[in-house]
Amino acid sequence: MTVTPLPSRAATAVERASTALGRLRRGRLLHPAGRSFVGETVIWGTPGPPTGVALLDDPGRYRTTVRLSKGTPTPGSWPDVLGLAVRLHRDDGRPFDLLVSSSGAAPVLRNLPLPRRRFTGTYSTITWFRAGRRRLWLAALADPDAADLGRSLATVAAATRTDTPRLVLAVASAVGPWRLVGQVSLGAQLSAEQDAALAFDPTRNLPAELRLAGPLAWLRDQTYRGSRRARGATAQSGGSTATTV
């Protein structure tokens, strides 16, 4: 008799539970309420020592899809763990999905999802990445010169109709300061149907040099798999077809 290893059985159980919950919800299991937008990402390059990830270290410009969301979701402008998903569409056809949650900017607080009211603020990956022997955290930070995104998904959408909101991308070590590497700009809002079709994979849609690590990586992988299965989506479903913002 073949015995299935415990990690494999646990992974199957988590994925099946996530699929069942997603079907009950009839939509996204995680961050169901959100708005998606055409975007553009400009990578300036990494200041100081390189990270070992070419996409972060080398200047570039990428067509992007951006989604801002509420985690629970709470009504209106009530505090919630806010989410930001950024998909960089690369020339090789393999996207880079960066998913970050509202958090603090300080070294300890960047590891914690923190509820807040405003969509303008710090978003971090919470868990870390491995790039060779390096531990890296990625973040999207508020741009002090950009339009305020407000306290609700409606105000986020309104900001993109009158301006081009921006967030700054950054990278840090476990205790080091954030180093600014690029900028994400938000443009026209996608339709509700396009938002519903969009699906992300934060553990597999990564540059070759980058690997999601930490205690939440395994759980996140299985949960997102189950959520996509419940919706009949794939790891590369949806996304903007526009060239720039």
C-alpha atoms as a PDB file:
ATOM      1  CA  MET A   1       0.000   0.000   0.000  1.00  0.00           C
ATOM      2  CA  THR A   2       1.285   3.451  -0.948  1.00  0.00           C
ATOM      3  CA  VAL A   3       1.222   5.935   1.923  1.00  0.00           C
ATOM      4  CA  THR A   4       0.713   9.573   0.945  1.00  0.00           C
ATOM      5  CA  PRO A   5       3.208  11.817   2.808  1.00  0.00           C
ATOM      6  CA  LEU A   6       1.669  14.039   5.471  1.00  0.00           C
ATOM      7  CA  PRO A   7       2.663  17.327   3.725  1.00  0.00           C
ATOM      8  CA  SER A   8       0.932  16.134   0.534  1.00  0.00           C
ATOM      9  CA  ARG A   9      -2.213  15.143   2.414  1.00  0.00           C
ATOM     10  CA  ALA A  10      -2.238  18.468   4.256  1.00  0.00           C
ATOM     11  CA  ALA A  11      -1.788  20.402   0.998  1.00  0.00           C
ATOM     12  CA  THR A  12      -4.679  18.506  -0.598  1.00  0.00           C
ATOM     13  CA  ALA A  13      -6.893  19.158   2.431  1.00  0.00           C
ATOM     14  CA  VAL A  14      -6.183  22.906   2.426  1.00  0.00           C
ATOM     15  CA  GLU A  15      -6.744  23.207  -1.311  1.00  0.00           C
ATOM     16  CA  ARG A  16     -10.029  21.268  -1.145  1.00  0.00           C
ATOM     17  CA  ALA A  17     -11.257  23.358   1.791  1.00  0.00           C
ATOM     18  CA  SER A  18     -10.394  26.558  -0.062  1.00  0.00           C
ATOM     19  CA  THR A  19     -12.202  25.313  -3.163  1.00  0.00           C
ATOM     20  CA  ALA A  20     -15.322  24.473  -1.144  1.00  0.00           C
ATOM     21  CA  LEU A  21     -15.340  27.854   0.613  1.00  0.00           C
ATOM     22  CA  GLY A  22     -14.811  29.639  -2.691  1.00  0.00           C
ATOM     23  CA  ARG A  23     -17.780  27.852  -4.236  1.00  0.00           C
ATOM     24  CA  LEU A  24     -19.939  28.781  -1.258  1.00  0.00           C
ATOM     25  CA  ARG A  25     -18.887  32.405  -1.672  1.00  0.00           C
ATOM     26  CA  ARG A  26     -19.370  32.195  -5.477  1.00  0.00           C
ATOM     27  CA  GLY A  27     -16.323  34.318  -6.080  1.00  0.00           C
ATOM     28  CA  ARG A  28     -12.892  35.089  -4.703  1.00  0.00           C
ATOM     29  CA  LEU A  29     -12.129  33.488  -1.367  1.00  0.00           C
ATOM     30  CA  LEU A  30      -9.496  36.129  -0.566  1.00  0.00           C
ATOM     31  CA  HIS A  31     -10.088  39.872  -0.949  1.00  0.00           C
ATOM     32  CA  PRO A  32     -13.433  39.485  -2.774  1.00  0.00           C
ATOM     33  CA  ALA A  33     -14.276  43.203  -2.970  1.00  0.00           C
ATOM     34  CA  GLY A  34     -11.946  45.158  -5.222  1.00  0.00           C
ATOM     35  CA  ARG A  35     -11.397  47.304  -8.285  1.00  0.00           C
ATOM     36  CA  SER A  36      -8.920  46.611 -11.090  1.00  0.00           C
ATOM     37  CA  PHE A  37      -7.114  49.103 -13.293  1.00  0.00           C
ATOM     38  CA  VAL A  38      -4.839  49.463 -16.284  1.00  0.00           C
ATOM     39  CA  GLY A  39      -1.386  50.372 -15.029  1.00  0.00           C
ATOM     40  CA  GLU A  40       2.235  50.919 -15.874  1.00  0.00           C
ATOM     41  CA  THR A  41       5.320  50.053 -13.836  1.00  0.00           C
ATOM     42  CA  VAL A  42       8.665  51.773 -14.274  1.00  0.00           C
ATOM     43  CA  ILE A  43      11.628  50.081 -12.602  1.00  0.00           C
ATOM     44  CA  TRP A  44      14.476  52.496 -11.888  1.00  0.00           C
ATOM     45  CA  GLY A  45      16.899  49.822 -10.700  1.00  0.00           C
ATOM     46  CA  THR A  46      18.107  48.932  -7.221  1.00  0.00           C
ATOM     47  CA  PRO A  47      20.137  51.610  -5.433  1.00  0.00           C
ATOM     48  CA  GLY A  48      23.139  50.241  -3.580  1.00  0.00           C
ATOM     49  CA  PRO A  49      23.976  46.522  -3.580  1.00  0.00           C
ATOM     50  CA  PRO A  50      21.986  44.548  -6.186  1.00  0.00           C
ATOM     51  CA  THR A  51      19.305  42.125  -5.023  1.00  0.00           C
ATOM     52  CA  GLY A  52      20.262  39.440  -7.536  1.00  0.00           C
ATOM     53  CA  VAL A  53      16.835  39.760  -9.193  1.00  0.00           C
ATOM     54  CA  ALA A  54      17.262  41.205 -12.680  1.00  0.00           C
ATOM     55  CA  LEU A  55      13.725  42.557 -12.841  1.00  0.00           C
ATOM     56  CA  LEU A  56      14.408  44.733  -9.765  1.00  0.00           C
ATOM     57  CA  ASP A  57      18.063  45.554 -10.459  1.00  0.00           C
ATOM     58  CA  ASP A  58      17.748  46.567 -14.125  1.00  0.00           C
ATOM     59  CA  PRO A  59      15.745  49.583 -15.371  1.00  0.00           C
ATOM     60  CA  GLY A  60      12.619  48.681 -17.342  1.00  0.00           C
ATOM     61  CA  ARG A  61       9.043  49.598 -18.197  1.00  0.00           C
ATOM     62  CA  TYR A  62       6.144  47.123 -17.967  1.00  0.00           C
ATOM     63  CA  ARG A  63       2.490  47.058 -18.917  1.00  0.00           C
ATOM     64  CA  THR A  64       0.678  46.370 -15.653  1.00  0.00           C
ATOM     65  CA  THR A  65      -2.650  45.342 -14.174  1.00  0.00           C
ATOM     66  CA  VAL A  66      -3.392  46.672 -10.689  1.00  0.00           C
ATOM     67  CA  ARG A  67      -6.096  45.567  -8.228  1.00  0.00           C
ATOM     68  CA  LEU A  68      -6.911  47.278  -4.908  1.00  0.00           C
ATOM     69  CA  SER A  69      -9.162  45.400  -2.525  1.00  0.00           C
ATOM     70  CA  LYS A  70     -10.591  44.929   0.956  1.00  0.00           C
ATOM     71  CA  GLY A  71      -9.853  41.712   2.807  1.00  0.00           C
ATOM     72  CA  THR A  72     -12.981  40.877   4.805  1.00  0.00           C
ATOM     73  CA  PRO A  73     -14.593  43.046   3.341  1.00  0.00           C
ATOM     74  CA  THR A  74     -15.911  45.576   5.858  1.00  0.00           C
ATOM     75  CA  PRO A  75     -18.551  48.113   4.779  1.00  0.00           C
ATOM     76  CA  GLY A  76     -17.567  51.394   3.137  1.00  0.00           C
ATOM     77  CA  SER A  77     -14.604  53.082   4.790  1.00  0.00           C
ATOM     78  CA  TRP A  78     -14.463  50.875   7.886  1.00  0.00           C
ATOM     79  CA  PRO A  79     -10.947  49.621   8.766  1.00  0.00           C
ATOM     80  CA  ASP A  80      -9.865  46.459   6.960  1.00  0.00           C
ATOM     81  CA  VAL A  81      -6.717  44.661   5.849  1.00  0.00           C
ATOM     82  CA  LEU A  82      -6.330  46.281   2.438  1.00  0.00           C
ATOM     83  CA  GLY A  83      -4.752  44.506  -0.492  1.00  0.00           C
ATOM     84  CA  LEU A  84      -2.786  45.573  -3.545  1.00  0.00           C
ATOM     85  CA  ALA A  85      -2.060  43.177  -6.403  1.00  0.00           C
ATOM     86  CA  VAL A  86       0.309  44.226  -9.179  1.00  0.00           C
ATOM     87  CA  ARG A  87       0.799  42.095 -12.296  1.00  0.00           C
ATOM     88  CA  LEU A  88       3.753  43.018 -14.488  1.00  0.00           C
ATOM     89  CA  HIS A  89       3.250  41.723 -18.040  1.00  0.00           C
ATOM     90  CA  ARG A  90       6.683  40.679 -19.292  1.00  0.00           C
ATOM     91  CA  ASP A  91       7.793  40.165 -22.886  1.00  0.00           C
ATOM     92  CA  ASP A  92       8.426  36.450 -22.296  1.00  0.00           C
ATOM     93  CA  GLY A  93       4.708  35.975 -21.529  1.00  0.00           C
ATOM     94  CA  ARG A  94       5.313  35.005 -17.904  1.00  0.00           C
ATOM     95  CA  PRO A  95       3.817  37.581 -15.529  1.00  0.00           C
ATOM     96  CA  PHE A  96       5.232  38.735 -12.217  1.00  0.00           C
ATOM     97  CA  ASP A  97       2.451  38.847  -9.591  1.00  0.00           C
ATOM     98  CA  LEU A  98       3.259  40.965  -6.540  1.00  0.00           C
ATOM     99  CA  LEU A  99       0.620  40.781  -3.787  1.00  0.00           C
ATOM    100  CA  VAL A 100       1.016  43.021  -0.759  1.00  0.00           C
ATOM    101  CA  SER A 101      -1.181  43.871   2.251  1.00  0.00           C
ATOM    102  CA  SER A 102      -1.593  46.960   4.411  1.00  0.00           C
ATOM    103  CA  SER A 103       1.133  46.955   7.040  1.00  0.00           C
ATOM    104  CA  GLY A 104       3.585  49.161   8.878  1.00  0.00           C
ATOM    105  CA  ALA A 105       6.828  50.404   7.354  1.00  0.00           C
ATOM    106  CA  ALA A 106       9.123  49.623  10.317  1.00  0.00           C
ATOM    107  CA  PRO A 107      11.077  46.310  10.299  1.00  0.00           C
ATOM    108  CA  VAL A 108       8.828  44.560  12.850  1.00  0.00           C
ATOM    109  CA  LEU A 109       5.551  45.959  11.517  1.00  0.00           C
ATOM    110  CA  ARG A 110       6.313  45.043   7.900  1.00  0.00           C
ATOM    111  CA  ASN A 111       5.707  41.412   8.955  1.00  0.00           C
ATOM    112  CA  LEU A 112       2.156  42.102  10.179  1.00  0.00           C
ATOM    113  CA  PRO A 113      -1.044  42.732   8.201  1.00  0.00           C
ATOM    114  CA  LEU A 114      -2.569  45.836   9.781  1.00  0.00           C
ATOM    115  CA  PRO A 115      -6.150  47.036   9.256  1.00  0.00           C
ATOM    116  CA  ARG A 116      -6.516  50.665   8.213  1.00  0.00           C
ATOM    117  CA  ARG A 117      -9.033  53.027   6.647  1.00  0.00           C
ATOM    118  CA  ARG A 118      -7.066  54.698   3.851  1.00  0.00           C
ATOM    119  CA  PHE A 119      -5.843  53.057   0.654  1.00  0.00           C
ATOM    120  CA  THR A 120      -2.868  55.417   0.556  1.00  0.00           C
ATOM    121  CA  GLY A 121      -0.170  53.941   2.795  1.00  0.00           C
ATOM    122  CA  THR A 122       2.343  51.114   3.158  1.00  0.00           C
ATOM    123  CA  TYR A 123       1.699  47.660   1.697  1.00  0.00           C
ATOM    124  CA  SER A 124       4.220  44.855   2.247  1.00  0.00           C
ATOM    125  CA  THR A 125       4.574  41.205   1.284  1.00  0.00           C
ATOM    126  CA  ILE A 126       4.314  40.284   5.026  1.00  0.00           C
ATOM    127  CA  THR A 127       6.374  37.150   4.443  1.00  0.00           C
ATOM    128  CA  TRP A 128       9.785  37.205   2.781  1.00  0.00           C
ATOM    129  CA  PHE A 129      11.356  36.076  -0.478  1.00  0.00           C
ATOM    130  CA  ARG A 130      14.587  34.216  -1.105  1.00  0.00           C
ATOM    131  CA  ALA A 131      16.969  35.517  -3.768  1.00  0.00           C
ATOM    132  CA  GLY A 132      19.946  33.218  -3.498  1.00  0.00           C
ATOM    133  CA  ARG A 133      21.009  33.512   0.148  1.00  0.00           C
ATOM    134  CA  ARG A 134      19.307  36.877   0.583  1.00  0.00           C
ATOM    135  CA  ARG A 135      16.035  37.455   2.404  1.00  0.00           C
ATOM    136  CA  LEU A 136      14.012  40.195   0.734  1.00  0.00           C
ATOM    137  CA  TRP A 137      10.783  41.969   1.582  1.00  0.00           C
ATOM    138  CA  LEU A 138       8.946  43.891  -1.147  1.00  0.00           C
ATOM    139  CA  ALA A 139       6.562  46.773  -0.616  1.00  0.00           C
ATOM    140  CA  ALA A 140       4.455  49.457  -2.256  1.00  0.00           C
ATOM    141  CA  LEU A 141       4.730  52.768  -0.424  1.00  0.00           C
ATOM    142  CA  ALA A 142       2.731  55.968  -0.620  1.00  0.00           C
ATOM    143  CA  ASP A 143       4.013  58.558  -3.078  1.00  0.00           C
ATOM    144  CA  PRO A 144       3.755  61.905  -1.238  1.00  0.00           C
ATOM    145  CA  ASP A 145       3.382  63.761  -4.542  1.00  0.00           C
ATOM    146  CA  ALA A 146       0.597  61.555  -5.934  1.00  0.00           C
ATOM    147  CA  ALA A 147      -3.189  61.717  -5.680  1.00  0.00           C
ATOM    148  CA  ASP A 148      -4.750  60.407  -2.473  1.00  0.00           C
ATOM    149  CA  LEU A 149      -6.671  57.146  -2.959  1.00  0.00           C
ATOM    150  CA  GLY A 150      -9.153  57.892  -0.177  1.00  0.00           C
ATOM    151  CA  ARG A 151     -11.027  55.615   2.217  1.00  0.00           C
ATOM    152  CA  SER A 152     -13.143  53.421  -0.044  1.00  0.00           C
ATOM    153  CA  LEU A 153     -13.034  51.537  -3.321  1.00  0.00           C
ATOM    154  CA  ALA A 154     -15.295  54.231  -4.764  1.00  0.00           C
ATOM    155  CA  THR A 155     -12.776  56.968  -3.923  1.00  0.00           C
ATOM    156  CA  VAL A 156      -9.981  54.867  -5.432  1.00  0.00           C
ATOM    157  CA  ALA A 157     -11.911  54.653  -8.704  1.00  0.00           C
ATOM    158  CA  ALA A 158     -12.724  58.377  -8.570  1.00  0.00           C
ATOM    159  CA  ALA A 159      -9.031  59.244  -8.136  1.00  0.00           C
ATOM    160  CA  THR A 160      -8.144  57.407 -11.357  1.00  0.00           C
ATOM    161  CA  ARG A 161     -10.787  59.362 -13.292  1.00  0.00           C
ATOM    162  CA  THR A 162      -9.326  62.750 -12.375  1.00  0.00           C
ATOM    163  CA  ASP A 163      -5.616  61.975 -11.904  1.00  0.00           C
ATOM    164  CA  THR A 164      -2.970  59.246 -12.237  1.00  0.00           C
ATOM    165  CA  PRO A 165      -2.387  57.854  -8.735  1.00  0.00           C
ATOM    166  CA  ARG A 166       1.032  56.359  -8.072  1.00  0.00           C
ATOM    167  CA  LEU A 167       2.689  54.038  -5.579  1.00  0.00           C
ATOM    168  CA  VAL A 168       6.423  53.549  -5.091  1.00  0.00           C
ATOM    169  CA  LEU A 169       7.925  50.059  -5.145  1.00  0.00           C
ATOM    170  CA  ALA A 170      10.616  49.255  -2.597  1.00  0.00           C
ATOM    171  CA  VAL A 171      12.786  46.397  -1.364  1.00  0.00           C
ATOM    172  CA  ALA A 172      14.367  45.790   2.042  1.00  0.00           C
ATOM    173  CA  SER A 173      16.233  43.230   4.098  1.00  0.00           C
ATOM    174  CA  ALA A 174      14.871  41.950   7.421  1.00  0.00           C
ATOM    175  CA  VAL A 175      15.958  45.012   9.390  1.00  0.00           C
ATOM    176  CA  GLY A 176      17.190  47.422   6.729  1.00  0.00           C
ATOM    177  CA  PRO A 177      15.466  50.535   5.371  1.00  0.00           C
ATOM    178  CA  TRP A 178      13.271  50.452   2.295  1.00  0.00           C
ATOM    179  CA  ARG A 179      15.191  51.072  -0.937  1.00  0.00           C
ATOM    180  CA  LEU A 180      13.083  52.600  -3.709  1.00  0.00           C
ATOM    181  CA  VAL A 181      13.270  50.616  -6.963  1.00  0.00           C
ATOM    182  CA  GLY A 182      10.343  51.811  -9.088  1.00  0.00           C
ATOM    183  CA  GLN A 183       6.880  53.259  -9.460  1.00  0.00           C
ATOM    184  CA  VAL A 184       3.416  51.910 -10.289  1.00  0.00           C
ATOM    185  CA  SER A 185       0.864  54.228 -11.945  1.00  0.00           C
ATOM    186  CA  LEU A 186      -2.889  53.567 -12.057  1.00  0.00           C
ATOM    187  CA  GLY A 187      -4.962  54.403 -15.128  1.00  0.00           C
ATOM    188  CA  ALA A 188      -8.423  53.512 -16.415  1.00  0.00           C
ATOM    189  CA  GLN A 189     -10.624  51.159 -14.403  1.00  0.00           C
ATOM    190  CA  LEU A 190     -11.326  47.714 -15.850  1.00  0.00           C
ATOM    191  CA  SER A 191     -14.894  46.461 -16.111  1.00  0.00           C
ATOM    192  CA  ALA A 192     -16.530  44.338 -13.414  1.00  0.00           C
ATOM    193  CA  GLU A 193     -16.306  41.345 -15.767  1.00  0.00           C
ATOM    194  CA  GLN A 194     -12.579  41.877 -16.287  1.00  0.00           C
ATOM    195  CA  ASP A 195     -12.055  42.218 -12.532  1.00  0.00           C
ATOM    196  CA  ALA A 196     -13.966  38.981 -11.893  1.00  0.00           C
ATOM    197  CA  ALA A 197     -11.859  37.101 -14.466  1.00  0.00           C
ATOM    198  CA  LEU A 198      -8.536  38.265 -13.048  1.00  0.00           C
ATOM    199  CA  ALA A 199      -6.604  35.722 -10.956  1.00  0.00           C
ATOM    200  CA  PHE A 200      -3.154  35.969  -9.382  1.00  0.00           C
ATOM    201  CA  ASP A 201      -0.545  33.459  -8.250  1.00  0.00           C
ATOM    202  CA  PRO A 202       1.861  35.079  -5.757  1.00  0.00           C
ATOM    203  CA  THR A 203       3.929  31.926  -5.276  1.00  0.00           C
ATOM    204  CA  ARG A 204       4.534  30.798  -8.868  1.00  0.00           C
ATOM    205  CA  ASN A 205       4.308  33.915 -11.064  1.00  0.00           C
ATOM    206  CA  LEU A 206       7.728  35.163  -9.977  1.00  0.00           C
ATOM    207  CA  PRO A 207      11.062  35.982 -11.625  1.00  0.00           C
ATOM    208  CA  ALA A 208      13.320  32.945 -11.841  1.00  0.00           C
ATOM    209  CA  GLU A 209      15.681  34.330  -9.173  1.00  0.00           C
ATOM    210  CA  LEU A 210      12.933  34.930  -6.616  1.00  0.00           C
ATOM    211  CA  ARG A 211      11.185  32.387  -4.384  1.00  0.00           C
ATOM    212  CA  LEU A 212       8.482  33.027  -1.796  1.00  0.00           C
ATOM    213  CA  ALA A 213       9.613  31.725   1.609  1.00  0.00           C
ATOM    214  CA  GLY A 214       8.559  31.898   5.236  1.00  0.00           C
ATOM    215  CA  PRO A 215       5.871  30.029   7.186  1.00  0.00           C
ATOM    216  CA  LEU A 216       2.962  31.468   5.171  1.00  0.00           C
ATOM    217  CA  ALA A 217       4.301  30.541   1.719  1.00  0.00           C
ATOM    218  CA  TRP A 218       2.979  26.963   1.735  1.00  0.00           C
ATOM    219  CA  LEU A 219      -0.443  27.943   3.089  1.00  0.00           C
ATOM    220  CA  ARG A 220      -0.744  30.817   0.633  1.00  0.00           C
ATOM    221  CA  ASP A 221       0.040  28.535  -2.310  1.00  0.00           C
ATOM    222  CA  GLN A 222      -2.671  26.001  -1.453  1.00  0.00           C
ATOM    223  CA  THR A 223      -5.271  28.653  -0.581  1.00  0.00           C
ATOM    224  CA  TYR A 224      -4.849  30.519  -3.855  1.00  0.00           C
ATOM    225  CA  ARG A 225      -4.951  27.245  -5.785  1.00  0.00           C
ATOM    226  CA  GLY A 226      -8.280  26.336  -4.187  1.00  0.00           C
ATOM    227  CA  SER A 227      -9.727  29.803  -4.703  1.00  0.00           C
ATOM    228  CA  ARG A 228      -8.815  29.748  -8.422  1.00  0.00           C
ATOM    229  CA  ARG A 229     -10.238  26.260  -8.844  1.00  0.00           C
ATOM    230  CA  ALA A 230     -13.553  27.340  -7.331  1.00  0.00           C
ATOM    231  CA  ARG A 231     -13.815  30.139  -9.907  1.00  0.00           C
ATOM    232  CA  GLY A 232     -12.539  28.075 -12.835  1.00  0.00           C
ATOM    233  CA  ALA A 233      -9.591  30.466 -13.200  1.00  0.00           C
ATOM    234  CA  THR A 234      -5.933  29.821 -13.966  1.00  0.00           C
ATOM    235  CA  ALA A 235      -2.777  31.341 -12.522  1.00  0.00           C
ATOM    236  CA  GLN A 236      -2.565  33.734 -15.485  1.00  0.00           C
ATOM    237  CA  SER A 237      -6.248  34.576 -15.970  1.00  0.00           C
ATOM    238  CA  GLY A 238      -7.205  38.086 -16.969  1.00  0.00           C
ATOM    239  CA  GLY A 239      -5.203  41.253 -17.113  1.00  0.00           C
ATOM    240  CA  SER A 240      -5.050  44.533 -18.948  1.00  0.00           C
ATOM    241  CA  THR A 241      -4.599  44.660 -22.723  1.00  0.00           C
ATOM    242  CA  ALA A 242      -3.713  48.355 -22.723  1.00  0.00           C
ATOM    243  CA  THR A 243      -0.148  49.431 -23.492  1.00  0.00           C
ATOM    244  CA  THR A 244       0.269  52.222 -20.947  1.00  0.00           C
ATOM    245  CA  VAL A 245      -1.768  54.341 -18.579  1.00  0.00           C
END
